[in-house]
Amino acid sequence: MPAATPELEARLGLTEALSIVIGRIIGSGIFRTPGPMMLAVSGLDASATYTTGDIPVGQISIGLFFLAWIIGGIATFLSSFCFAELVAMIPRSGGPYAYLKAAYPEFWTFLRGWAMFFVSETASIVAVALVFSEYTDYALRTSGGSGIGLVGRTGLALGVIWLLTAANSFGVLASGMLQNVLSFLKVASLIAIIGFCFAAPGESINFTTNVWPEEWTYGTVLTVLTALRYGFFAYSGWEGATYVAEEVRNPRRNLPLSLFLGIGGVMLIYLAVNSAYLYQLGAVEMILARKEIASRAMQVSVGTAGGLLLAGIVMLSTFGNVSTQIMVKARTWHAMARDGLFFRFVRDTSPRWHTPNRALILQAGWASVLLIVAALDTGIGGGTIYEKVIDFFSFTSGIFNISTIMAVWVLRKKMPDAERPFRVPLFYFTIILTLLIYSMYTLWTLIDRPVESMAGILLTLTGIVYYFYIKKYRHEVVKG
């Protein structure tokens, strides 16, 4: 009789769960997406380069810019109510996968997990690792060096992914302690940015200039939906602690609390950081700065040293975020394999460390493939690799986020007597409003980025072949 596979251990408390939520949200987004979001609400292409004369000042709107951040935050907070009910009811590792498994037929659950691995979740690791390498390149150039170029940035991002994969293979408690330290440093760094920017001389008039667009049209709504593509990415990862539910003590209490405290705190910090950027730069300069908006704000407020300091802060933040993503997402592939819905070898955990090391290695391998393909596409076709990665997975993520939110409704009908330590407040209002926001954003993403969206869909559909293969295999095993 084969030896039993070691189980995951519940060694994380509320502090670690909260650190995972904060660490998973705060990564590259707050440093990298404000520029594309300001471009989007101004009706400009986030992947193009502009000079001052190209910018239609009458279309700029800091009001729409902050509205997009607020809508993204509210939608995220409302979604957390849904996840809180689900995780308190089903405290199993795997996050959304575990809830879809309870609510929907097996095929849809499998397809969600397949899409998470091959499209959305692993690509998100790649996107944040890229920002780490971009700011390393920026720091070298600012220091008088020549930079490392596309090949160097790609190689560095690969190195970070594999280094942190190795670091997360030595037990969940060590990983949790690492998240505590990195999350504290990230929050402290953002507070420092806010302090430096507002302590230095700035322009208060930036808050009263270009508040709303000169003309309101149907396209105005679409610009906000476009901005939400980047805003939702900046907030993404808030559900991170639910992926490790089986490794959290008292998960029915600690996981909902970690979601509410983490999301609420990060939303306030994000609004303050964007206000600091605006105070120092103004809307036009934020557009021109684009991907280096945070470093530009620190350069203006502190000087050249500020740009280098900011580069260090971003490198720390993205390094910690990649670590958190690697830690929590591997639990989904492990949970799927344990249920017979993913590659069988991934279900095993380390006998010594009780961590899903095979899932970690497979995840790093696929992330490497996505990173290299994106780098080759950028080198051949141009554009910015970061935006390409986000555009690639946004539609697919939107579809499955909608189905996860709907799972609350489905399970209320399917399992009405199940214990629910937490229930979504103002149920119908919360569910309908959340679904409306996500549906509008997801539909517009398909219309606005059809090629990238279809690439994500097609890669998701490749899972159909594997699903029917495992169905046939399981049937033959039972028959035999």
Protein backbone atom coordinates (compact mmCIF):
# COMPACT_ATOMS: atom_id res chain seq x y z
CA MET A 1 0.00 0.00 0.00
CA PRO A 2 1.54 3.39 -1.00
CA ALA A 3 2.45 5.82 1.73
CA ALA A 4 -0.07 8.54 2.40
CA THR A 5 0.70 11.95 0.97
CA PRO A 6 1.58 14.42 3.77
CA GLU A 7 -1.19 16.90 4.46
CA LEU A 8 -0.96 20.69 4.52
CA GLU A 9 -0.49 22.10 8.04
CA ALA A 10 -2.58 24.90 9.64
CA ARG A 11 0.19 27.12 11.01
CA LEU A 12 -0.84 30.61 9.83
CA GLY A 13 -2.74 33.08 12.02
CA LEU A 14 -4.63 36.31 11.33
CA THR A 15 -1.41 38.32 11.03
CA GLU A 16 -0.03 36.02 8.34
CA ALA A 17 -3.38 35.92 6.49
CA LEU A 18 -3.57 39.73 6.56
CA SER A 19 0.03 39.94 5.37
CA ILE A 20 -0.80 37.67 2.46
CA VAL A 21 -3.78 39.85 1.46
CA ILE A 22 -1.75 43.07 1.67
CA GLY A 23 1.34 41.52 0.14
CA ARG A 24 -0.65 40.02 -2.71
CA ILE A 25 -2.41 43.31 -3.56
CA ILE A 26 0.52 45.71 -3.23
CA GLY A 27 2.94 44.75 -5.95
CA SER A 28 3.55 46.55 -9.20
CA GLY A 29 0.11 48.08 -9.74
CA ILE A 30 0.32 51.23 -7.63
CA PHE A 31 3.66 52.11 -9.24
CA ARG A 32 2.95 51.01 -12.81
CA THR A 33 -0.77 51.47 -13.54
CA PRO A 34 -1.52 55.14 -12.64
CA GLY A 35 0.09 56.27 -15.90
CA PRO A 36 -1.91 53.93 -18.17
CA MET A 37 -5.06 54.78 -16.17
CA MET A 38 -4.59 58.52 -16.68
CA LEU A 39 -3.99 57.83 -20.38
CA ALA A 40 -7.14 55.71 -20.55
CA VAL A 41 -9.49 58.24 -18.94
CA SER A 42 -8.07 60.85 -21.33
CA GLY A 43 -9.08 58.69 -24.30
CA LEU A 44 -5.47 57.86 -25.19
CA ASP A 45 -3.85 54.51 -25.99
CA ALA A 46 -1.97 53.25 -22.94
CA SER A 47 0.56 51.41 -25.14
CA ALA A 48 1.52 54.48 -27.22
CA THR A 49 4.11 57.19 -26.53
CA TYR A 50 3.08 60.85 -26.38
CA THR A 51 4.69 64.27 -26.26
CA THR A 52 3.15 67.33 -24.60
CA GLY A 53 1.72 68.56 -27.91
CA ASP A 54 -0.08 65.25 -28.53
CA ILE A 55 -2.15 65.39 -25.35
CA PRO A 56 -5.71 66.76 -25.73
CA VAL A 57 -5.89 68.80 -22.52
CA GLY A 58 -9.68 69.11 -22.75
CA GLN A 59 -10.05 65.33 -22.44
CA ILE A 60 -7.91 64.98 -19.32
CA SER A 61 -9.92 64.29 -16.18
CA ILE A 62 -8.47 63.72 -12.74
CA GLY A 63 -12.05 63.22 -11.57
CA LEU A 64 -12.49 60.20 -13.86
CA PHE A 65 -9.03 58.99 -12.85
CA PHE A 66 -9.94 58.88 -9.16
CA LEU A 67 -13.43 57.60 -10.01
CA ALA A 68 -11.85 54.57 -11.71
CA TRP A 69 -9.74 53.89 -8.61
CA ILE A 70 -12.78 54.25 -6.33
CA ILE A 71 -15.01 52.03 -8.49
CA GLY A 72 -12.27 49.41 -8.60
CA GLY A 73 -11.90 49.58 -4.82
CA ILE A 74 -15.64 49.40 -4.17
CA ALA A 75 -16.09 46.46 -6.56
CA THR A 76 -13.19 44.69 -4.87
CA PHE A 77 -14.62 45.30 -1.40
CA LEU A 78 -18.07 44.08 -2.48
CA SER A 79 -16.45 41.00 -4.00
CA SER A 80 -14.70 40.35 -0.69
CA PHE A 81 -18.12 39.99 0.97
CA CYS A 82 -18.89 37.19 -1.48
CA PHE A 83 -15.55 35.48 -0.91
CA ALA A 84 -15.91 35.86 2.87
CA GLU A 85 -19.19 33.95 2.80
CA LEU A 86 -17.67 31.28 0.56
CA VAL A 87 -14.44 30.76 2.50
CA ALA A 88 -16.21 30.73 5.88
CA MET A 89 -18.56 28.11 4.49
CA ILE A 90 -15.88 26.12 2.60
CA PRO A 91 -12.48 26.62 4.31
CA ARG A 92 -10.56 24.59 1.73
CA SER A 93 -7.33 25.50 -0.04
CA GLY A 94 -7.53 26.55 -3.68
CA GLY A 95 -9.48 29.79 -3.39
CA PRO A 96 -12.02 30.28 -6.22
CA TYR A 97 -11.44 26.74 -7.46
CA ALA A 98 -12.82 25.29 -4.21
CA TYR A 99 -15.99 27.41 -4.41
CA LEU A 100 -16.68 26.68 -8.07
CA LYS A 101 -16.23 23.00 -7.30
CA ALA A 102 -19.08 23.19 -4.77
CA ALA A 103 -21.36 25.31 -6.97
CA TYR A 104 -20.96 24.13 -10.56
CA PRO A 105 -20.50 20.97 -12.64
CA GLU A 106 -17.01 19.48 -12.60
CA PHE A 107 -16.18 20.59 -16.15
CA TRP A 108 -16.65 24.31 -15.40
CA THR A 109 -14.62 23.98 -12.21
CA PHE A 110 -11.82 22.28 -14.12
CA LEU A 111 -11.87 24.91 -16.86
CA ARG A 112 -11.56 27.69 -14.27
CA GLY A 113 -8.55 25.99 -12.70
CA TRP A 114 -7.00 25.34 -16.10
CA ALA A 115 -7.46 29.00 -17.07
CA MET A 116 -5.99 30.12 -13.75
CA PHE A 117 -2.85 28.12 -14.42
CA PHE A 118 -2.35 28.63 -18.14
CA VAL A 119 -3.73 32.16 -18.53
CA SER A 120 -4.47 34.45 -15.60
CA GLU A 121 -2.69 33.56 -12.38
CA THR A 122 0.69 32.51 -13.74
CA ALA A 123 0.69 35.47 -16.13
CA SER A 124 0.15 37.77 -13.15
CA ILE A 125 3.36 36.43 -11.59
CA VAL A 126 5.14 37.26 -14.84
CA ALA A 127 3.74 40.81 -14.97
CA VAL A 128 4.98 41.70 -11.49
CA ALA A 129 8.38 40.05 -11.99
CA LEU A 130 8.76 42.21 -15.10
CA VAL A 131 8.24 45.39 -13.11
CA PHE A 132 10.97 44.28 -10.70
CA SER A 133 13.35 43.93 -13.63
CA GLU A 134 12.18 47.23 -15.21
CA TYR A 135 12.97 49.19 -12.07
CA THR A 136 16.30 47.41 -11.66
CA ASP A 137 17.10 48.60 -15.18
CA TYR A 138 15.89 52.10 -14.26
CA ALA A 139 18.10 52.18 -11.14
CA LEU A 140 21.14 51.18 -13.17
CA ARG A 141 20.46 53.86 -15.81
CA THR A 142 19.82 56.53 -13.18
CA SER A 143 23.11 55.63 -11.51
CA GLY A 144 24.97 56.31 -14.76
CA GLY A 145 25.00 52.76 -16.10
CA SER A 146 23.82 51.58 -19.50
CA GLY A 147 20.89 49.48 -18.31
CA ILE A 148 20.31 45.82 -19.08
CA GLY A 149 17.95 45.94 -22.09
CA LEU A 150 15.06 43.63 -22.96
CA VAL A 151 17.12 40.43 -22.77
CA GLY A 152 18.59 41.40 -19.41
CA ARG A 153 15.19 42.37 -17.99
CA THR A 154 13.70 39.08 -19.15
CA GLY A 155 16.56 37.08 -17.67
CA LEU A 156 16.34 38.92 -14.35
CA ALA A 157 12.57 38.33 -14.14
CA LEU A 158 13.18 34.62 -14.76
CA GLY A 159 15.78 34.55 -12.01
CA VAL A 160 13.43 36.19 -9.50
CA ILE A 161 10.64 33.71 -10.26
CA TRP A 162 12.89 30.69 -9.74
CA LEU A 163 14.64 32.12 -6.68
CA LEU A 164 11.34 32.79 -4.90
CA THR A 165 9.96 29.42 -5.97
CA ALA A 166 12.90 27.84 -4.15
CA ALA A 167 12.41 30.11 -1.11
CA ASN A 168 8.74 29.11 -0.80
CA SER A 169 9.51 25.40 -0.79
CA PHE A 170 10.83 25.38 2.81
CA GLY A 171 7.56 25.22 4.74
CA VAL A 172 4.46 27.38 5.05
CA LEU A 173 5.50 28.92 8.39
CA ALA A 174 8.73 30.23 6.90
CA SER A 175 6.75 31.55 3.92
CA GLY A 176 4.25 33.21 6.24
CA MET A 177 6.98 34.92 8.25
CA LEU A 178 8.53 36.15 4.99
CA GLN A 179 5.15 37.64 3.98
CA ASN A 180 4.88 39.44 7.35
CA VAL A 181 8.24 41.15 6.89
CA LEU A 182 7.75 42.03 3.22
CA SER A 183 4.18 43.31 3.70
CA PHE A 184 5.26 45.55 6.59
CA LEU A 185 8.11 46.98 4.52
CA LYS A 186 5.80 47.59 1.54
CA VAL A 187 3.20 49.49 3.57
CA ALA A 188 5.95 51.49 5.28
CA SER A 189 7.45 52.31 1.88
CA LEU A 190 4.15 53.59 0.49
CA ILE A 191 3.59 55.73 3.58
CA ALA A 192 7.11 57.11 3.05
CA ILE A 193 6.27 58.03 -0.56
CA ILE A 194 3.13 59.85 0.60
CA GLY A 195 5.14 61.68 3.25
CA PHE A 196 8.00 62.70 0.94
CA CYS A 197 5.67 63.94 -1.82
CA PHE A 198 3.42 66.02 0.44
CA ALA A 199 6.31 67.34 2.55
CA ALA A 200 8.06 68.74 -0.53
CA PRO A 201 6.76 71.81 -2.41
CA GLY A 202 4.03 70.79 -4.84
CA GLU A 203 1.13 72.28 -6.77
CA SER A 204 -2.25 72.33 -5.02
CA ILE A 205 -3.76 73.67 -8.24
CA ASN A 206 -3.26 70.21 -9.74
CA PHE A 207 -6.31 69.09 -7.74
CA THR A 208 -8.56 71.79 -9.24
CA THR A 209 -7.33 71.72 -12.86
CA ASN A 210 -8.77 69.31 -15.47
CA VAL A 211 -11.19 67.86 -12.94
CA TRP A 212 -13.81 66.70 -15.46
CA PRO A 213 -13.70 66.39 -19.27
CA GLU A 214 -14.98 69.37 -21.24
CA GLU A 215 -17.49 67.14 -23.05
CA TRP A 216 -19.38 64.12 -21.74
CA THR A 217 -20.18 61.39 -24.27
CA TYR A 218 -20.82 57.66 -24.37
CA GLY A 219 -17.08 57.33 -24.90
CA THR A 220 -16.48 58.89 -21.49
CA VAL A 221 -17.95 55.80 -19.83
CA LEU A 222 -15.77 53.59 -22.01
CA THR A 223 -12.62 55.43 -20.94
CA VAL A 224 -13.41 54.59 -17.31
CA LEU A 225 -14.00 50.93 -18.21
CA THR A 226 -10.64 50.89 -20.01
CA ALA A 227 -8.95 52.40 -16.96
CA LEU A 228 -10.58 49.72 -14.80
CA ARG A 229 -8.60 47.06 -16.69
CA TYR A 230 -5.47 48.43 -15.05
CA GLY A 231 -7.21 49.43 -11.82
CA PHE A 232 -8.52 45.92 -11.23
CA PHE A 233 -5.02 44.59 -11.82
CA ALA A 234 -3.68 46.98 -9.17
CA TYR A 235 -6.27 45.61 -6.71
CA SER A 236 -5.89 42.01 -7.86
CA GLY A 237 -4.75 39.36 -5.44
CA TRP A 238 -7.00 40.49 -2.59
CA GLU A 239 -8.39 36.95 -2.38
CA GLY A 240 -4.87 35.55 -1.90
CA ALA A 241 -5.36 34.28 1.65
CA THR A 242 -8.28 32.07 0.57
CA TYR A 243 -5.86 29.97 -1.49
CA VAL A 244 -4.17 28.77 1.72
CA ALA A 245 -7.36 28.28 3.76
CA GLU A 246 -6.33 24.84 5.05
CA GLU A 247 -3.09 26.32 6.38
CA VAL A 248 -4.82 29.10 8.39
CA ARG A 249 -5.88 28.57 11.98
CA ASN A 250 -9.58 29.30 12.64
CA PRO A 251 -10.16 30.12 8.94
CA ARG A 252 -13.88 30.88 9.35
CA ARG A 253 -12.93 33.94 11.42
CA ASN A 254 -9.44 34.88 10.32
CA LEU A 255 -9.91 34.75 6.55
CA PRO A 256 -12.95 37.10 6.30
CA LEU A 257 -11.24 39.51 8.71
CA SER A 258 -8.03 39.47 6.68
CA LEU A 259 -9.99 40.30 3.51
CA PHE A 260 -11.88 43.26 4.99
CA LEU A 261 -8.94 44.79 6.84
CA GLY A 262 -6.49 44.26 4.00
CA ILE A 263 -8.65 45.59 1.16
CA GLY A 264 -9.94 48.57 3.12
CA GLY A 265 -6.46 49.59 4.20
CA VAL A 266 -4.92 49.19 0.76
CA MET A 267 -7.72 51.17 -0.92
CA LEU A 268 -7.07 54.16 1.36
CA ILE A 269 -3.31 53.92 0.78
CA TYR A 270 -3.79 53.75 -3.01
CA LEU A 271 -5.92 56.91 -3.05
CA ALA A 272 -3.34 58.71 -0.92
CA VAL A 273 -0.42 57.60 -3.11
CA ASN A 274 -2.19 58.72 -6.30
CA SER A 275 -2.94 62.06 -4.66
CA ALA A 276 0.78 62.38 -3.86
CA TYR A 277 1.67 61.68 -7.51
CA LEU A 278 -0.83 64.30 -8.67
CA TYR A 279 0.40 66.88 -6.16
CA GLN A 280 3.95 66.62 -7.46
CA LEU A 281 3.40 66.05 -11.18
CA GLY A 282 -0.04 67.11 -12.37
CA ALA A 283 -2.13 65.16 -14.87
CA VAL A 284 -0.13 65.99 -18.02
CA GLU A 285 3.18 65.00 -16.47
CA MET A 286 1.61 61.78 -15.16
CA ILE A 287 0.70 60.91 -18.75
CA LEU A 288 4.19 61.73 -20.02
CA ALA A 289 5.87 59.79 -17.20
CA ARG A 290 3.66 56.74 -17.83
CA LYS A 291 5.48 53.66 -16.53
CA GLU A 292 7.99 55.70 -14.47
CA ILE A 293 5.38 57.87 -12.78
CA ALA A 294 6.34 56.91 -9.22
CA SER A 295 10.05 57.49 -9.76
CA ARG A 296 9.36 60.82 -11.48
CA ALA A 297 7.27 61.99 -8.51
CA MET A 298 10.04 61.06 -6.09
CA GLN A 299 12.67 62.75 -8.26
CA VAL A 300 10.67 65.99 -8.24
CA SER A 301 10.09 65.88 -4.48
CA VAL A 302 13.46 64.60 -3.24
CA GLY A 303 15.87 64.91 -6.18
CA THR A 304 17.88 62.29 -8.07
CA ALA A 305 18.30 60.28 -4.89
CA GLY A 306 14.51 60.11 -4.68
CA GLY A 307 14.31 58.27 -7.99
CA LEU A 308 16.83 55.71 -6.78
CA LEU A 309 15.03 55.38 -3.45
CA LEU A 310 11.76 54.80 -5.29
CA ALA A 311 13.38 52.19 -7.52
CA GLY A 312 14.46 50.35 -4.38
CA ILE A 313 10.94 50.59 -2.94
CA VAL A 314 9.37 49.21 -6.13
CA MET A 315 11.91 46.41 -6.29
CA LEU A 316 11.12 45.49 -2.68
CA SER A 317 7.37 45.67 -3.28
CA THR A 318 7.37 43.61 -6.46
CA PHE A 319 9.82 41.09 -5.01
CA GLY A 320 7.47 40.54 -2.07
CA ASN A 321 4.41 40.36 -4.31
CA VAL A 322 5.95 37.72 -6.56
CA SER A 323 6.82 35.71 -3.44
CA THR A 324 3.23 35.90 -2.18
CA GLN A 325 1.78 34.94 -5.56
CA ILE A 326 4.10 31.98 -5.91
CA MET A 327 3.22 30.80 -2.41
CA VAL A 328 -0.57 30.97 -2.62
CA LYS A 329 -1.25 30.00 -6.22
CA ALA A 330 0.61 26.71 -6.11
CA ARG A 331 -2.02 25.56 -3.58
CA THR A 332 -4.68 25.70 -6.31
CA TRP A 333 -2.78 23.37 -8.66
CA HIS A 334 -2.18 21.05 -5.69
CA ALA A 335 -5.90 21.09 -4.81
CA MET A 336 -6.88 20.37 -8.41
CA ALA A 337 -4.45 17.47 -8.68
CA ARG A 338 -5.72 16.10 -5.36
CA ASP A 339 -9.21 16.06 -6.90
CA GLY A 340 -7.96 14.30 -10.04
CA LEU A 341 -8.43 17.39 -12.24
CA PHE A 342 -4.81 18.30 -12.93
CA PHE A 343 -1.49 16.59 -13.60
CA ARG A 344 -1.29 13.73 -11.09
CA PHE A 345 2.30 14.29 -9.98
CA VAL A 346 1.36 17.77 -8.67
CA ARG A 347 -0.80 16.34 -5.87
CA ASP A 348 2.22 15.25 -3.81
CA THR A 349 3.63 17.46 -1.06
CA SER A 350 7.11 17.48 0.41
CA PRO A 351 7.39 14.86 3.19
CA ARG A 352 9.74 17.15 5.10
CA TRP A 353 8.30 20.64 4.52
CA HIS A 354 4.63 19.79 3.85
CA THR A 355 4.65 22.20 0.89
CA PRO A 356 3.37 21.47 -2.66
CA ASN A 357 6.85 21.65 -4.19
CA ARG A 358 5.97 19.91 -7.45
CA ALA A 359 3.17 22.41 -8.02
CA LEU A 360 5.64 25.22 -7.28
CA ILE A 361 8.11 23.91 -9.87
CA LEU A 362 5.45 23.39 -12.55
CA GLN A 363 4.14 26.91 -11.93
CA ALA A 364 7.61 28.43 -12.30
CA GLY A 365 8.16 26.47 -15.51
CA TRP A 366 4.98 27.75 -17.16
CA ALA A 367 5.64 31.30 -15.95
CA SER A 368 9.01 31.07 -17.69
CA VAL A 369 7.35 30.06 -20.95
CA LEU A 370 4.86 32.95 -20.80
CA LEU A 371 7.62 35.42 -19.98
CA ILE A 372 9.82 34.34 -22.89
CA VAL A 373 6.90 34.40 -25.36
CA ALA A 374 5.84 37.88 -24.21
CA ALA A 375 9.44 39.12 -24.49
CA LEU A 376 9.76 37.73 -28.02
CA ASP A 377 6.45 39.34 -29.02
CA THR A 378 7.61 42.68 -27.64
CA GLY A 379 10.97 42.43 -29.37
CA ILE A 380 9.34 41.66 -32.72
CA GLY A 381 6.11 43.68 -32.61
CA GLY A 382 7.02 46.49 -30.22
CA GLY A 383 4.80 47.87 -27.48
CA THR A 384 5.18 47.42 -23.75
CA ILE A 385 5.44 43.91 -22.37
CA TYR A 386 3.66 44.76 -19.09
CA GLU A 387 0.47 45.98 -20.80
CA LYS A 388 0.57 43.01 -23.19
CA VAL A 389 0.52 40.56 -20.28
CA ILE A 390 -2.37 42.37 -18.53
CA ASP A 391 -4.41 42.58 -21.76
CA PHE A 392 -3.82 38.85 -22.31
CA PHE A 393 -5.50 37.64 -19.12
CA SER A 394 -8.00 40.40 -18.25
CA PHE A 395 -11.02 39.05 -20.17
CA THR A 396 -10.61 35.46 -19.02
CA SER A 397 -10.16 36.59 -15.42
CA GLY A 398 -13.29 38.72 -15.68
CA ILE A 399 -15.41 35.80 -16.89
CA PHE A 400 -14.37 33.52 -14.06
CA ASN A 401 -14.58 36.27 -11.43
CA ILE A 402 -18.22 36.71 -12.43
CA SER A 403 -18.85 32.98 -12.10
CA THR A 404 -17.22 32.93 -8.63
CA ILE A 405 -19.42 35.79 -7.42
CA MET A 406 -22.44 33.98 -8.86
CA ALA A 407 -21.41 30.91 -6.85
CA VAL A 408 -22.67 32.63 -3.68
CA TRP A 409 -26.14 32.83 -5.23
CA VAL A 410 -25.97 29.27 -6.57
CA LEU A 411 -24.91 27.80 -3.22
CA ARG A 412 -27.65 29.67 -1.35
CA LYS A 413 -30.09 27.73 -3.54
CA LYS A 414 -28.13 24.49 -3.72
CA MET A 415 -27.08 24.28 -0.04
CA PRO A 416 -29.56 26.44 1.89
CA ASP A 417 -28.94 24.70 5.22
CA ALA A 418 -25.13 24.82 5.13
CA GLU A 419 -23.42 26.63 7.99
CA ARG A 420 -22.54 30.19 6.99
CA PRO A 421 -20.55 31.96 9.75
CA PHE A 422 -20.56 35.05 7.53
CA ARG A 423 -23.33 36.11 5.15
CA VAL A 424 -23.14 38.77 2.43
CA PRO A 425 -24.89 41.91 3.77
CA LEU A 426 -27.67 43.45 1.63
CA PHE A 427 -27.42 40.28 -0.43
CA TYR A 428 -29.26 41.13 -3.65
CA PHE A 429 -28.00 44.71 -3.82
CA THR A 430 -24.38 43.63 -3.23
CA ILE A 431 -24.46 40.73 -5.70
CA ILE A 432 -26.24 42.62 -8.50
CA LEU A 433 -24.07 45.75 -8.22
CA THR A 434 -20.86 43.69 -8.17
CA LEU A 435 -21.94 41.62 -11.16
CA LEU A 436 -22.94 44.75 -13.07
CA ILE A 437 -19.53 46.38 -12.60
CA TYR A 438 -17.59 43.24 -13.55
CA SER A 439 -19.84 42.45 -16.52
CA MET A 440 -19.49 45.92 -18.05
CA TYR A 441 -15.72 45.87 -17.57
CA THR A 442 -15.35 42.33 -18.98
CA LEU A 443 -17.48 42.99 -22.06
CA TRP A 444 -15.59 46.18 -22.85
CA THR A 445 -12.25 44.38 -22.45
CA LEU A 446 -13.32 41.89 -25.15
CA ILE A 447 -14.37 44.73 -27.48
CA ASP A 448 -11.31 46.89 -26.78
CA ARG A 449 -8.69 44.10 -26.82
CA PRO A 450 -10.19 41.33 -29.02
CA VAL A 451 -6.93 39.68 -30.11
CA GLU A 452 -5.48 39.43 -26.62
CA SER A 453 -8.84 38.30 -25.19
CA MET A 454 -9.24 35.57 -27.82
CA ALA A 455 -5.71 34.33 -27.14
CA GLY A 456 -6.65 33.84 -23.50
CA ILE A 457 -9.91 32.11 -24.46
CA LEU A 458 -8.21 29.72 -26.90
CA LEU A 459 -5.55 28.77 -24.37
CA THR A 460 -8.32 28.10 -21.84
CA LEU A 461 -10.18 25.89 -24.31
CA THR A 462 -7.14 23.65 -24.76
CA GLY A 463 -8.15 22.28 -21.38
CA ILE A 464 -11.11 20.51 -23.01
CA VAL A 465 -8.77 17.92 -24.54
CA TYR A 466 -7.08 17.21 -21.21
CA TYR A 467 -10.40 17.06 -19.35
CA PHE A 468 -11.83 14.36 -21.59
CA TYR A 469 -8.53 12.49 -21.42
CA ILE A 470 -8.67 12.32 -17.62
CA LYS A 471 -12.38 11.41 -17.76
CA LYS A 472 -11.50 8.49 -20.04
CA TYR A 473 -8.57 7.50 -17.82
CA ARG A 474 -10.69 7.52 -14.65
CA HIS A 475 -13.40 5.49 -16.41
CA GLU A 476 -10.87 2.86 -17.48
CA VAL A 477 -9.41 2.67 -13.96
CA VAL A 478 -12.88 2.11 -12.46
CA LYS A 479 -13.76 -0.39 -15.18
CA GLY A 480 -10.46 -2.23 -14.76
